[in-house]
C-alpha atoms as a PDB file:
ATOM      1  CA  MET A   1      17.396  34.640 -15.054  1.00  0.00           C
ATOM      2  CA  THR A   2      20.172  33.428 -12.761  1.00  0.00           C
ATOM      3  CA  ALA A   3      21.240  29.794 -12.560  1.00  0.00           C
ATOM      4  CA  ASP A   4      19.819  29.554  -9.031  1.00  0.00           C
ATOM      5  CA  SER A   5      16.412  30.916 -10.029  1.00  0.00           C
ATOM      6  CA  SER A   6      16.319  28.639 -13.085  1.00  0.00           C
ATOM      7  CA  ALA A   7      17.062  25.604 -10.900  1.00  0.00           C
ATOM      8  CA  ALA A   8      14.401  26.655  -8.391  1.00  0.00           C
ATOM      9  CA  ASP A   9      11.849  27.075 -11.184  1.00  0.00           C
ATOM     10  CA  ARG A  10      12.711  23.637 -12.537  1.00  0.00           C
ATOM     11  CA  ALA A  11      12.309  22.094  -9.077  1.00  0.00           C
ATOM     12  CA  ARG A  12       8.883  23.717  -8.708  1.00  0.00           C
ATOM     13  CA  ARG A  13       7.794  22.389 -12.106  1.00  0.00           C
ATOM     14  CA  PHE A  14       9.017  18.911 -11.210  1.00  0.00           C
ATOM     15  CA  ASP A  15       7.024  18.985  -7.982  1.00  0.00           C
ATOM     16  CA  ARG A  16       3.921  20.472  -9.615  1.00  0.00           C
ATOM     17  CA  GLU A  17       3.797  18.420 -12.822  1.00  0.00           C
ATOM     18  CA  HIS A  18       5.498  15.103 -12.082  1.00  0.00           C
ATOM     19  CA  ALA A  19       6.333  14.264  -8.469  1.00  0.00           C
ATOM     20  CA  ARG A  20       2.885  13.134  -7.309  1.00  0.00           C
ATOM     21  CA  ARG A  21       2.333  10.740 -10.181  1.00  0.00           C
ATOM     22  CA  LEU A  22       5.855   9.363  -9.859  1.00  0.00           C
ATOM     23  CA  ARG A  23       5.341   8.712  -6.137  1.00  0.00           C
ATOM     24  CA  ALA A  24       2.085   6.922  -6.941  1.00  0.00           C
ATOM     25  CA  LEU A  25       3.890   4.639  -9.390  1.00  0.00           C
ATOM     26  CA  ALA A  26       6.815   4.023  -7.028  1.00  0.00           C
ATOM     27  CA  TYR A  27       4.532   3.198  -4.079  1.00  0.00           C
ATOM     28  CA  ARG A  28       2.633   0.603  -6.099  1.00  0.00           C
ATOM     29  CA  MET A  29       5.882  -0.829  -7.407  1.00  0.00           C
ATOM     30  CA  LEU A  30       7.566  -1.052  -3.994  1.00  0.00           C
ATOM     31  CA  GLY A  31       4.797  -1.100  -1.376  1.00  0.00           C
ATOM     32  CA  SER A  32       6.881   1.334   0.681  1.00  0.00           C
ATOM     33  CA  ARG A  33       6.220   5.021   1.209  1.00  0.00           C
ATOM     34  CA  ALA A  34       9.773   5.731   2.369  1.00  0.00           C
ATOM     35  CA  GLU A  35      11.320   3.903  -0.582  1.00  0.00           C
ATOM     36  CA  ALA A  36       8.932   5.645  -2.972  1.00  0.00           C
ATOM     37  CA  GLU A  37      10.007   9.027  -1.604  1.00  0.00           C
ATOM     38  CA  ASP A  38      13.671   8.047  -1.942  1.00  0.00           C
ATOM     39  CA  ILE A  39      13.145   6.908  -5.539  1.00  0.00           C
ATOM     40  CA  VAL A  40      11.462  10.164  -6.529  1.00  0.00           C
ATOM     41  CA  GLN A  41      14.192  12.170  -4.812  1.00  0.00           C
ATOM     42  CA  GLU A  42      16.818  10.210  -6.744  1.00  0.00           C
ATOM     43  CA  ALA A  43      14.841  10.812  -9.955  1.00  0.00           C
ATOM     44  CA  TRP A  44      14.858  14.544  -9.270  1.00  0.00           C
ATOM     45  CA  LEU A  45      18.616  14.569  -8.671  1.00  0.00           C
ATOM     46  CA  ARG A  46      19.203  12.792 -11.966  1.00  0.00           C
ATOM     47  CA  TRP A  47      16.651  14.952 -13.787  1.00  0.00           C
ATOM     48  CA  ALA A  48      18.347  18.114 -12.532  1.00  0.00           C
ATOM     49  CA  GLU A  49      21.491  17.060 -14.420  1.00  0.00           C
ATOM     50  CA  VAL A  50      19.663  16.470 -17.711  1.00  0.00           C
ATOM     51  CA  ASP A  51      19.455  19.070 -20.490  1.00  0.00           C
ATOM     52  CA  GLU A  52      15.700  19.475 -20.977  1.00  0.00           C
ATOM     53  CA  ALA A  53      16.228  20.606 -24.557  1.00  0.00           C
ATOM     54  CA  GLU A  54      17.344  17.069 -25.388  1.00  0.00           C
ATOM     55  CA  VAL A  55      14.204  15.421 -23.937  1.00  0.00           C
ATOM     56  CA  LEU A  56      11.133  15.108 -26.162  1.00  0.00           C
ATOM     57  CA  ASN A  57       8.669  14.229 -23.392  1.00  0.00           C
ATOM     58  CA  ASP A  58       9.475  15.092 -19.780  1.00  0.00           C
ATOM     59  CA  GLY A  59       6.754  12.858 -18.317  1.00  0.00           C
ATOM     60  CA  ALA A  60       7.762   9.822 -20.360  1.00  0.00           C
ATOM     61  CA  PHE A  61      11.438  10.321 -19.527  1.00  0.00           C
ATOM     62  CA  LEU A  62      10.752  10.567 -15.789  1.00  0.00           C
ATOM     63  CA  THR A  63       8.350   7.625 -15.776  1.00  0.00           C
ATOM     64  CA  ARG A  64      10.983   5.478 -17.449  1.00  0.00           C
ATOM     65  CA  LEU A  65      13.616   6.692 -14.981  1.00  0.00           C
ATOM     66  CA  VAL A  66      11.446   5.931 -11.937  1.00  0.00           C
ATOM     67  CA  THR A  67      10.390   2.567 -13.370  1.00  0.00           C
ATOM     68  CA  ASN A  68      14.013   1.527 -13.840  1.00  0.00           C
ATOM     69  CA  LEU A  69      14.992   2.751 -10.378  1.00  0.00           C
ATOM     70  CA  CYS A  70      12.107   0.736  -8.933  1.00  0.00           C
ATOM     71  CA  LEU A  71      13.130  -2.358 -10.879  1.00  0.00           C
ATOM     72  CA  ASP A  72      16.630  -2.108  -9.421  1.00  0.00           C
ATOM     73  CA  GLN A  73      15.131  -1.672  -5.967  1.00  0.00           C
ATOM     74  CA  LEU A  74      12.823  -4.668  -6.385  1.00  0.00           C
ATOM     75  CA  ARG A  75      15.681  -6.916  -7.430  1.00  0.00           C
ATOM     76  CA  SER A  76      17.718  -5.986  -4.365  1.00  0.00           C
ATOM     77  CA  ALA A  77      14.608  -6.112  -2.157  1.00  0.00           C
ATOM     78  CA  ALA A  78      14.016  -9.756  -3.091  1.00  0.00           C
ATOM     79  CA  ALA A  79      17.077 -10.779  -1.076  1.00  0.00           C
ATOM     80  CA  ARG A  80      16.119  -8.525   1.833  1.00  0.00           C
ATOM     81  CA  ARG A  81      12.587  -9.945   1.956  1.00  0.00           C
ATOM     82  CA  VAL A  82      14.031 -13.423   2.488  1.00  0.00           C
ATOM     83  CA  GLN A  83      15.644 -12.095   5.660  1.00  0.00           C
ATOM     84  CA  TYR A  84      12.596 -10.102   6.801  1.00  0.00           C
ATOM     85  CA  VAL A  85      11.371 -11.159  10.250  1.00  0.00           C
ATOM     86  CA  GLY A  86       7.807 -12.462  10.151  1.00  0.00           C
ATOM     87  CA  VAL A  87       5.067 -11.374   7.766  1.00  0.00           C
ATOM     88  CA  TRP A  88       5.753  -8.526   5.317  1.00  0.00           C
ATOM     89  CA  LEU A  89       2.950  -6.037   4.640  1.00  0.00           C
ATOM     90  CA  PRO A  90       3.126  -2.756   2.697  1.00  0.00           C
ATOM     91  CA  GLU A  91       3.253   0.553   4.507  1.00  0.00           C
ATOM     92  CA  PRO A  92      -0.264   1.782   5.285  1.00  0.00           C
ATOM     93  CA  MET A  93      -1.855   4.699   3.463  1.00  0.00           C
ATOM     94  CA  LEU A  94      -4.793   6.675   4.842  1.00  0.00           C
ATOM     95  CA  GLU A  95      -7.699   7.695   2.641  1.00  0.00           C
ATOM     96  CA  ASP A  96      -7.227  11.448   2.914  1.00  0.00           C
ATOM     97  CA  GLU A  97      -3.624  11.238   1.791  1.00  0.00           C
ATOM     98  CA  ALA A  98      -4.766  10.363  -1.754  1.00  0.00           C
ATOM     99  CA  LEU A  99      -1.490   8.554  -2.350  1.00  0.00           C
ATOM    100  CA  PHE A 100       0.951  11.437  -1.791  1.00  0.00           C
ATOM    101  CA  GLY A 101      -1.556  13.905  -3.227  1.00  0.00           C
ATOM    102  CA  TRP A 102      -2.021  12.099  -6.558  1.00  0.00           C
ATOM    103  CA  ALA A 103      -5.332  10.495  -7.491  1.00  0.00           C
ATOM    104  CA  PRO A 104      -7.202   9.790 -10.730  1.00  0.00           C
ATOM    105  CA  GLY A 105     -10.390  11.508 -11.842  1.00  0.00           C
ATOM    106  CA  PRO A 106     -13.753  10.877 -10.146  1.00  0.00           C
ATOM    107  CA  GLU A 107     -14.696   8.198 -12.678  1.00  0.00           C
ATOM    108  CA  LYS A 108     -11.806   6.022 -11.469  1.00  0.00           C
ATOM    109  CA  GLN A 109     -11.944   6.678  -7.731  1.00  0.00           C
ATOM    110  CA  ALA A 110     -13.358   3.210  -6.933  1.00  0.00           C
ATOM    111  CA  GLU A 111     -10.598   1.542  -8.954  1.00  0.00           C
ATOM    112  CA  PHE A 112      -8.041   3.788  -7.279  1.00  0.00           C
ATOM    113  CA  ALA A 113      -9.107   2.608  -3.807  1.00  0.00           C
ATOM    114  CA  GLN A 114      -8.818  -1.015  -4.925  1.00  0.00           C
ATOM    115  CA  ASP A 115      -5.421  -0.487  -6.546  1.00  0.00           C
ATOM    116  CA  VAL A 116      -3.789   0.581  -3.286  1.00  0.00           C
ATOM    117  CA  SER A 117      -5.517  -2.085  -1.206  1.00  0.00           C
ATOM    118  CA  ILE A 118      -3.228  -4.327   0.807  1.00  0.00           C
ATOM    119  CA  ALA A 119      -4.542  -7.473  -0.883  1.00  0.00           C
ATOM    120  CA  PHE A 120      -3.745  -5.992  -4.297  1.00  0.00           C
ATOM    121  CA  LEU A 121      -0.247  -4.953  -3.235  1.00  0.00           C
ATOM    122  CA  LEU A 122       0.365  -8.424  -1.806  1.00  0.00           C
ATOM    123  CA  ALA A 123      -0.734  -9.938  -5.111  1.00  0.00           C
ATOM    124  CA  LEU A 124       1.788  -7.701  -6.882  1.00  0.00           C
ATOM    125  CA  GLU A 125       4.496  -9.020  -4.549  1.00  0.00           C
ATOM    126  CA  ARG A 126       4.176 -12.430  -6.215  1.00  0.00           C
ATOM    127  CA  LEU A 127       5.028 -11.048  -9.648  1.00  0.00           C
ATOM    128  CA  SER A 128       8.495 -10.733 -11.104  1.00  0.00           C
ATOM    129  CA  PRO A 129       9.813  -7.139 -11.202  1.00  0.00           C
ATOM    130  CA  LEU A 130       9.236  -6.870 -14.968  1.00  0.00           C
ATOM    131  CA  GLU A 131       5.735  -8.353 -14.736  1.00  0.00           C
ATOM    132  CA  ARG A 132       4.900  -5.933 -11.959  1.00  0.00           C
ATOM    133  CA  ALA A 133       6.162  -2.924 -13.885  1.00  0.00           C
ATOM    134  CA  ALA A 134       4.418  -3.869 -17.141  1.00  0.00           C
ATOM    135  CA  PHE A 135       1.142  -4.684 -15.381  1.00  0.00           C
ATOM    136  CA  LEU A 136       1.062  -1.418 -13.421  1.00  0.00           C
ATOM    137  CA  LEU A 137       2.015   0.735 -16.383  1.00  0.00           C
ATOM    138  CA  HIS A 138      -0.686  -0.857 -18.540  1.00  0.00           C
ATOM    139  CA  ASP A 139      -3.587  -1.706 -16.235  1.00  0.00           C
ATOM    140  CA  VAL A 140      -3.223   1.087 -13.667  1.00  0.00           C
ATOM    141  CA  PHE A 141      -1.491   3.918 -15.533  1.00  0.00           C
ATOM    142  CA  ASP A 142      -3.150   3.257 -18.919  1.00  0.00           C
ATOM    143  CA  MET A 143      -0.025   3.091 -21.090  1.00  0.00           C
ATOM    144  CA  ASP A 144      -0.126   1.249 -24.385  1.00  0.00           C
ATOM    145  CA  TYR A 145       2.222  -1.662 -25.050  1.00  0.00           C
ATOM    146  CA  ASP A 146       4.443   0.263 -27.418  1.00  0.00           C
ATOM    147  CA  GLU A 147       5.124   2.933 -24.768  1.00  0.00           C
ATOM    148  CA  ILE A 148       5.694   0.285 -22.080  1.00  0.00           C
ATOM    149  CA  GLY A 149       8.192  -1.380 -24.390  1.00  0.00           C
ATOM    150  CA  ARG A 150      10.169   1.854 -24.587  1.00  0.00           C
ATOM    151  CA  HIS A 151      10.157   2.149 -20.799  1.00  0.00           C
ATOM    152  CA  LEU A 152      11.273  -1.441 -20.224  1.00  0.00           C
ATOM    153  CA  ASP A 153      13.501  -1.917 -23.304  1.00  0.00           C
ATOM    154  CA  ARG A 154      11.305  -4.793 -24.427  1.00  0.00           C
ATOM    155  CA  SER A 155       9.344  -5.462 -27.598  1.00  0.00           C
ATOM    156  CA  GLU A 156       5.633  -4.735 -27.733  1.00  0.00           C
ATOM    157  CA  ALA A 157       4.929  -8.488 -27.982  1.00  0.00           C
ATOM    158  CA  SER A 158       7.084  -9.169 -24.932  1.00  0.00           C
ATOM    159  CA  CYS A 159       5.216  -6.534 -22.941  1.00  0.00           C
ATOM    160  CA  ARG A 160       1.881  -8.070 -23.924  1.00  0.00           C
ATOM    161  CA  GLN A 161       3.109 -11.409 -22.587  1.00  0.00           C
ATOM    162  CA  LEU A 162       4.332  -9.819 -19.363  1.00  0.00           C
ATOM    163  CA  VAL A 163       0.976  -8.136 -18.747  1.00  0.00           C
ATOM    164  CA  THR A 164      -0.990 -11.267 -19.638  1.00  0.00           C
ATOM    165  CA  ARG A 165       1.013 -13.401 -17.202  1.00  0.00           C
ATOM    166  CA  ALA A 166       0.807 -10.768 -14.491  1.00  0.00           C
ATOM    167  CA  ARG A 167      -2.942 -10.331 -14.941  1.00  0.00           C
ATOM    168  CA  LYS A 168      -3.434 -14.085 -14.661  1.00  0.00           C
ATOM    169  CA  HIS A 169      -1.459 -14.261 -11.398  1.00  0.00           C
ATOM    170  CA  VAL A 170      -3.166 -11.202  -9.920  1.00  0.00           C
ATOM    171  CA  LYS A 171      -6.594 -12.542 -10.831  1.00  0.00           C
ATOM    172  CA  ALA A 172      -5.770 -15.836  -9.102  1.00  0.00           C
ATOM    173  CA  ASP A 173      -4.659 -14.063  -5.899  1.00  0.00           C
ATOM    174  CA  TYR A 174      -6.941 -11.053  -5.760  1.00  0.00           C
ATOM    175  CA  ALA A 175     -10.578 -10.282  -6.495  1.00  0.00           C
ATOM    176  CA  ARG A 176     -11.903  -6.725  -6.509  1.00  0.00           C
ATOM    177  CA  ARG A 177     -14.491  -5.963  -3.873  1.00  0.00           C
ATOM    178  CA  ASP A 178     -16.240  -2.595  -3.892  1.00  0.00           C
ATOM    179  CA  VAL A 179     -17.441  -1.634  -0.424  1.00  0.00           C
ATOM    180  CA  ALA A 180     -20.224   0.904   0.050  1.00  0.00           C
ATOM    181  CA  LYS A 181     -19.624   3.442   2.802  1.00  0.00           C
ATOM    182  CA  GLU A 182     -22.591   2.130   4.791  1.00  0.00           C
ATOM    183  CA  GLU A 183     -21.177  -1.395   4.758  1.00  0.00           C
ATOM    184  CA  ALA A 184     -17.687  -0.178   5.616  1.00  0.00           C
ATOM    185  CA  ASP A 185     -19.046   1.796   8.576  1.00  0.00           C
ATOM    186  CA  ARG A 186     -21.070  -1.197   9.765  1.00  0.00           C
ATOM    187  CA  LEU A 187     -18.116  -3.577   9.614  1.00  0.00           C
ATOM    188  CA  VAL A 188     -15.777  -1.204  11.432  1.00  0.00           C
ATOM    189  CA  GLN A 189     -18.327  -0.484  14.140  1.00  0.00           C
ATOM    190  CA  ALA A 190     -19.098  -4.180  14.643  1.00  0.00           C
ATOM    191  CA  PHE A 191     -15.380  -4.969  14.798  1.00  0.00           C
ATOM    192  CA  MET A 192     -14.643  -2.239  17.338  1.00  0.00           C
ATOM    193  CA  ASP A 193     -17.677  -3.171  19.470  1.00  0.00           C
ATOM    194  CA  ALA A 194     -16.561  -6.809  19.621  1.00  0.00           C
ATOM    195  CA  VAL A 195     -12.998  -5.854  20.535  1.00  0.00           C
ATOM    196  CA  ARG A 196     -13.966  -3.253  23.129  1.00  0.00           C
ATOM    197  CA  SER A 197     -16.284  -5.701  24.863  1.00  0.00           C
ATOM    198  CA  ALA A 198     -13.761  -8.566  24.498  1.00  0.00           C
ATOM    199  CA  ASP A 199     -16.555 -10.585  22.891  1.00  0.00           C
ATOM    200  CA  VAL A 200     -14.894 -13.563  21.223  1.00  0.00           C
ATOM    201  CA  SER A 201     -18.220 -14.928  19.976  1.00  0.00           C
ATOM    202  CA  ALA A 202     -19.196 -11.635  18.334  1.00  0.00           C
ATOM    203  CA  LEU A 203     -15.829 -11.310  16.608  1.00  0.00           C
ATOM    204  CA  THR A 204     -16.002 -14.947  15.468  1.00  0.00           C
ATOM    205  CA  ALA A 205     -19.429 -14.291  13.956  1.00  0.00           C
ATOM    206  CA  LEU A 206     -18.043 -11.253  12.107  1.00  0.00           C
ATOM    207  CA  LEU A 207     -15.256 -13.299  10.494  1.00  0.00           C
ATOM    208  CA  THR A 208     -15.646 -15.937   7.814  1.00  0.00           C
ATOM    209  CA  GLU A 209     -14.668 -19.514   8.660  1.00  0.00           C
ATOM    210  CA  ASP A 210     -11.631 -19.266   6.361  1.00  0.00           C
ATOM    211  CA  ALA A 211     -10.598 -15.738   7.349  1.00  0.00           C
ATOM    212  CA  VAL A 212      -6.909 -14.855   7.526  1.00  0.00           C
ATOM    213  CA  MET A 213      -5.029 -12.457   9.799  1.00  0.00           C
ATOM    214  CA  MET A 214      -1.588 -11.089   8.892  1.00  0.00           C
ATOM    215  CA  ALA A 215       0.494  -8.919  11.212  1.00  0.00           C
ATOM    216  CA  ASP A 216       3.763  -7.161  10.364  1.00  0.00           C
ATOM    217  CA  GLY A 217       6.077  -6.331  13.274  1.00  0.00           C
ATOM    218  CA  GLY A 218       9.242  -6.317  11.201  1.00  0.00           C
ATOM    219  CA  GLY A 219      11.177  -7.857  14.080  1.00  0.00           C
ATOM    220  CA  LYS A 220      10.860  -4.511  15.885  1.00  0.00           C
ATOM    221  CA  VAL A 221       7.746  -5.239  17.966  1.00  0.00           C
ATOM    222  CA  SER A 222       5.767  -8.359  18.816  1.00  0.00           C
ATOM    223  CA  ALA A 223       3.482  -9.737  16.110  1.00  0.00           C
ATOM    224  CA  VAL A 224       2.097 -13.107  15.081  1.00  0.00           C
ATOM    225  CA  PRO A 225       4.980 -14.510  12.988  1.00  0.00           C
ATOM    226  CA  LYS A 226       2.846 -16.315  10.397  1.00  0.00           C
ATOM    227  CA  PRO A 227      -0.594 -15.790   8.858  1.00  0.00           C
ATOM    228  CA  LEU A 228      -3.403 -17.068  11.092  1.00  0.00           C
ATOM    229  CA  HIS A 229      -6.287 -18.916   9.464  1.00  0.00           C
ATOM    230  CA  GLY A 230      -9.828 -19.518  10.684  1.00  0.00           C
ATOM    231  CA  GLY A 231     -12.298 -17.011  12.092  1.00  0.00           C
ATOM    232  CA  ALA A 232     -12.690 -18.672  15.499  1.00  0.00           C
ATOM    233  CA  ARG A 233      -8.934 -18.974  16.034  1.00  0.00           C
ATOM    234  CA  ILE A 234      -8.301 -15.386  14.939  1.00  0.00           C
ATOM    235  CA  ALA A 235     -11.020 -14.046  17.243  1.00  0.00           C
ATOM    236  CA  GLN A 236      -9.682 -15.905  20.258  1.00  0.00           C
ATOM    237  CA  ILE A 237      -6.068 -14.856  19.710  1.00  0.00           C
ATOM    238  CA  PHE A 238      -6.875 -11.259  18.765  1.00  0.00           C
ATOM    239  CA  ILE A 239      -9.095 -10.697  21.805  1.00  0.00           C
ATOM    240  CA  GLY A 240      -6.428 -12.355  23.946  1.00  0.00           C
ATOM    241  CA  PHE A 241      -3.863  -9.813  22.769  1.00  0.00           C
ATOM    242  CA  THR A 242      -6.155  -6.895  23.608  1.00  0.00           C
ATOM    243  CA  GLN A 243      -6.429  -8.152  27.208  1.00  0.00           C
ATOM    244  CA  LEU A 244      -2.675  -8.034  27.795  1.00  0.00           C
ATOM    245  CA  PRO A 245      -1.369  -5.129  29.902  1.00  0.00           C
ATOM    246  CA  ALA A 246       0.051  -3.389  26.818  1.00  0.00           C
ATOM    247  CA  GLY A 247      -3.389  -3.213  25.237  1.00  0.00           C
ATOM    248  CA  ARG A 248      -5.384  -1.866  28.155  1.00  0.00           C
ATOM    249  CA  HIS A 249      -4.692   1.798  27.430  1.00  0.00           C
ATOM    250  CA  CYS A 250      -5.258   1.586  23.671  1.00  0.00           C
ATOM    251  CA  ARG A 251      -8.184   3.054  21.798  1.00  0.00           C
ATOM    252  CA  MET A 252      -9.374   2.562  18.237  1.00  0.00           C
ATOM    253  CA  VAL A 253     -10.178   5.351  15.808  1.00  0.00           C
ATOM    254  CA  PRO A 254     -12.033   4.509  12.561  1.00  0.00           C
ATOM    255  CA  ALA A 255     -10.045   5.128   9.377  1.00  0.00           C
ATOM    256  CA  MET A 256      -9.833   4.009   5.776  1.00  0.00           C
ATOM    257  CA  VAL A 257      -6.518   2.186   5.381  1.00  0.00           C
ATOM    258  CA  ASN A 258      -5.316   1.494   1.822  1.00  0.00           C
ATOM    259  CA  GLY A 259      -8.854   1.811   0.538  1.00  0.00           C
ATOM    260  CA  LEU A 260     -10.217  -0.633   3.125  1.00  0.00           C
ATOM    261  CA  PRO A 261     -12.347   0.072   6.205  1.00  0.00           C
ATOM    262  CA  GLY A 262     -10.258  -0.144   9.345  1.00  0.00           C
ATOM    263  CA  CYS A 263      -8.912   1.732  12.310  1.00  0.00           C
ATOM    264  CA  LEU A 264      -5.880   3.284  13.934  1.00  0.00           C
ATOM    265  CA  VAL A 265      -4.873   1.981  17.363  1.00  0.00           C
ATOM    266  CA  LEU A 266      -3.486   4.687  19.662  1.00  0.00           C
ATOM    267  CA  ASP A 267      -1.788   4.160  23.018  1.00  0.00           C
ATOM    268  CA  ASP A 268      -3.078   6.810  25.439  1.00  0.00           C
ATOM    269  CA  ALA A 269      -0.538   5.742  28.058  1.00  0.00           C
ATOM    270  CA  ALA A 270       2.157   6.850  25.598  1.00  0.00           C
ATOM    271  CA  GLY A 271       0.591  10.178  24.713  1.00  0.00           C
ATOM    272  CA  GLY A 272      -1.636   8.841  21.967  1.00  0.00           C
ATOM    273  CA  ARG A 273       1.202   7.210  20.030  1.00  0.00           C
ATOM    274  CA  LEU A 274       0.146   5.185  17.003  1.00  0.00           C
ATOM    275  CA  VAL A 275       0.917   1.519  17.694  1.00  0.00           C
ATOM    276  CA  GLN A 276      -0.788  -0.164  14.773  1.00  0.00           C
ATOM    277  CA  THR A 277      -3.156   0.154  11.859  1.00  0.00           C
ATOM    278  CA  ILE A 278      -5.795  -2.442  11.091  1.00  0.00           C
ATOM    279  CA  ALA A 279      -7.295  -2.862   7.617  1.00  0.00           C
ATOM    280  CA  LEU A 280     -10.439  -4.992   7.386  1.00  0.00           C
ATOM    281  CA  ALA A 281     -11.036  -6.782   4.104  1.00  0.00           C
ATOM    282  CA  PRO A 282     -14.701  -7.683   3.519  1.00  0.00           C
ATOM    283  CA  ALA A 283     -15.438 -11.156   2.196  1.00  0.00           C
ATOM    284  CA  GLN A 284     -16.775 -11.449  -1.306  1.00  0.00           C
ATOM    285  CA  GLU A 285     -20.415 -12.174  -0.569  1.00  0.00           C
ATOM    286  CA  ASP A 286     -21.767 -12.641   2.939  1.00  0.00           C
ATOM    287  CA  GLY A 287     -21.200  -9.298   4.646  1.00  0.00           C
ATOM    288  CA  ARG A 288     -18.450 -10.566   6.944  1.00  0.00           C
ATOM    289  CA  LEU A 289     -14.708 -10.011   7.098  1.00  0.00           C
ATOM    290  CA  GLY A 290     -12.360 -12.242   5.148  1.00  0.00           C
ATOM    291  CA  ALA A 291      -9.034 -10.788   6.273  1.00  0.00           C
ATOM    292  CA  LEU A 292      -7.363  -8.570   8.866  1.00  0.00           C
ATOM    293  CA  TYR A 293      -4.135  -6.807   7.907  1.00  0.00           C
ATOM    294  CA  ILE A 294      -2.316  -5.423  10.935  1.00  0.00           C
ATOM    295  CA  GLN A 295       0.690  -3.144  10.574  1.00  0.00           C
ATOM    296  CA  ARG A 296       2.771  -2.860  13.769  1.00  0.00           C
ATOM    297  CA  ASN A 297       6.248  -2.196  12.409  1.00  0.00           C
ATOM    298  CA  PRO A 298       7.084   1.256  13.846  1.00  0.00           C
ATOM    299  CA  ASP A 299       9.241   2.099  10.829  1.00  0.00           C
ATOM    300  CA  LYS A 300       6.203   1.706   8.589  1.00  0.00           C
ATOM    301  CA  LEU A 301       3.976   3.774  10.881  1.00  0.00           C
ATOM    302  CA  GLU A 302       6.274   6.811  11.009  1.00  0.00           C
ATOM    303  CA  ALA A 303       4.667   8.742   8.157  1.00  0.00           C
ATOM    304  CA  ILE A 304       1.155   8.432   9.568  1.00  0.00           C
ATOM    305  CA  GLU A 305       2.363   9.267  13.075  1.00  0.00           C
ATOM    306  CA  ARG A 306       4.014  12.431  11.762  1.00  0.00           C
ATOM    307  CA  LYS A 307       0.770  13.337  10.044  1.00  0.00           C
ATOM    308  CA  LEU A 308      -1.214  12.793  13.254  1.00  0.00           C
ATOM    309  CA  ALA A 309       1.288  14.826  15.272  1.00  0.00           C
ATOM    310  CA  GLY A 310       1.294  17.665  12.765  1.00  0.00           C
END
């Protein structure tokens, strides 16, 4: 076997056996598809220089490598987030993408949808990099504390403390909410009907009194600069935006966005260009919506737009 064919075979094995799971970890760590792709590409470049005969467990080695690359990225991202214009939201992920092709078995599909939800990713944002890594490796990727300790160069006891603190913070900021397909369809249809008819009262009735709306424009396009609170206020402002000239040629297409019911907003005057995604977070109990997460930053919509165009 030539050196070129050996390298090609190794690249295929990396893609087949490791890349999808590594992207899944990196996306949860960073909340960015593009950064996750870059991290996995960097991991491959470093892995290609390693003598496999000296590695006992390829998967463990690569997971540790990606985890450490993500930790470095998170530490540098903290400074960049301070300078970010407006609200920061993670890049959206559509249901049929199954998180870059990686998903758990059928018995964990409901948990999988929750673990890429925008609310969950925002809760992770409030953790320290080490807490985030330990929590994800243990609670999402099912690693034991001893293995996490090897990945993070921490003792087993230290990793237990990291996960305990992280779990406490996540629990305070985020509550799981399983949504049946029938309820998801009903909420999306009611939302789109209210918006299409510019019915402020109907949209107000669909939102809880303490609902929140967050919109990420990244300083690239217009977006509400701070979270909006209150169903009535959100309904009035949201409907007002749809009546502006820029919104008159837009149409909504139902979609599951980061495990939540929602829609894609396409601008037919611009050839059907994707202008935003909307994820609708159901409230805990009363069948209404508790949050709207709107992604308008064109940089964060690129991957979905390429998918739609292809």
